[in-house]
Amino acid sequence: MRFSIFIALAAVLMLVSGCDKTAAADKGKWIAKIDNSTVFEKDFDAFLAVTLESSGVPRDQIAMYKNNASIKQKVLDDYISKFLIVRKAEADKFFDTRDAKEFMALAMQNIKFEYYIRKKMLEYIPEATTQEIDFYYQQQKAALEKQYGIRTLDDKVRAQLANLIKMQRVQKKLAQVTDDLKSSAVIKRNKEAIGEPNIEFSTQDPNAAIPTPAPR
């Protein structure tokens, strides 16, 4: 699952407003200094992890990417750019407008949703086993070759399929949780305001694409 860039931007907003308020001793080495502001190791590591995850890097590979100097330099450049733009926007009182506040409120709702999914589902839903990955590959081999040119099940493809299987499990769990919450909530829809549906739209089990190997 690729997490929204809103999360990365939220990290910048928090760091812009508070990167110097915690004692340096609690945040490790300094990573960069921007005028009178200091970016510390602890804060940058958190931003780096969020950026990598939101870019689609599998969670089990984030530690490896975090140790790559070239990637760290690129992410730091990206952070500095965002930092400067956000700081200027705050100085210009840009976020004090009604439109900005409404947008930020909606963005925060998305951030809370995605953070909840990460902490309550991603961390507790089991990873795909080797057997499940092998079985999935064999079942989808023709489609994978046709659509993506994948002809062999190497380590990179295994990691991608493992991530795909887990994300589909997350989607299935999310659908179950959502259905349970909807069943216990009182929900009214104003069809006059929304309008009547005029196209066919169907959903399917998000986990249906995952063939399940027979137990041995």
Foldseek 3Di string as FASTA:
>chain_A
DQADCLLLLVLLVCCLVPVPPDDLVVQADWDDDDPPGTHGDNSLLVSQLSVCRNVPNQPVCSVVLSPDPVSSVVSVVVSVVSNVVVVVCVVVVVCVDPVNVVVVVVSVVSVVVVVCLVPVPVVPQDWDDPVQLVVLCVVCVVVCCVPPVDNDCDPVNSSVSRVLLSVLVSVLVVVVVVVVVVVPDDDDDDCVVVPDDDDDDDDDRSNVSRDDDDDD
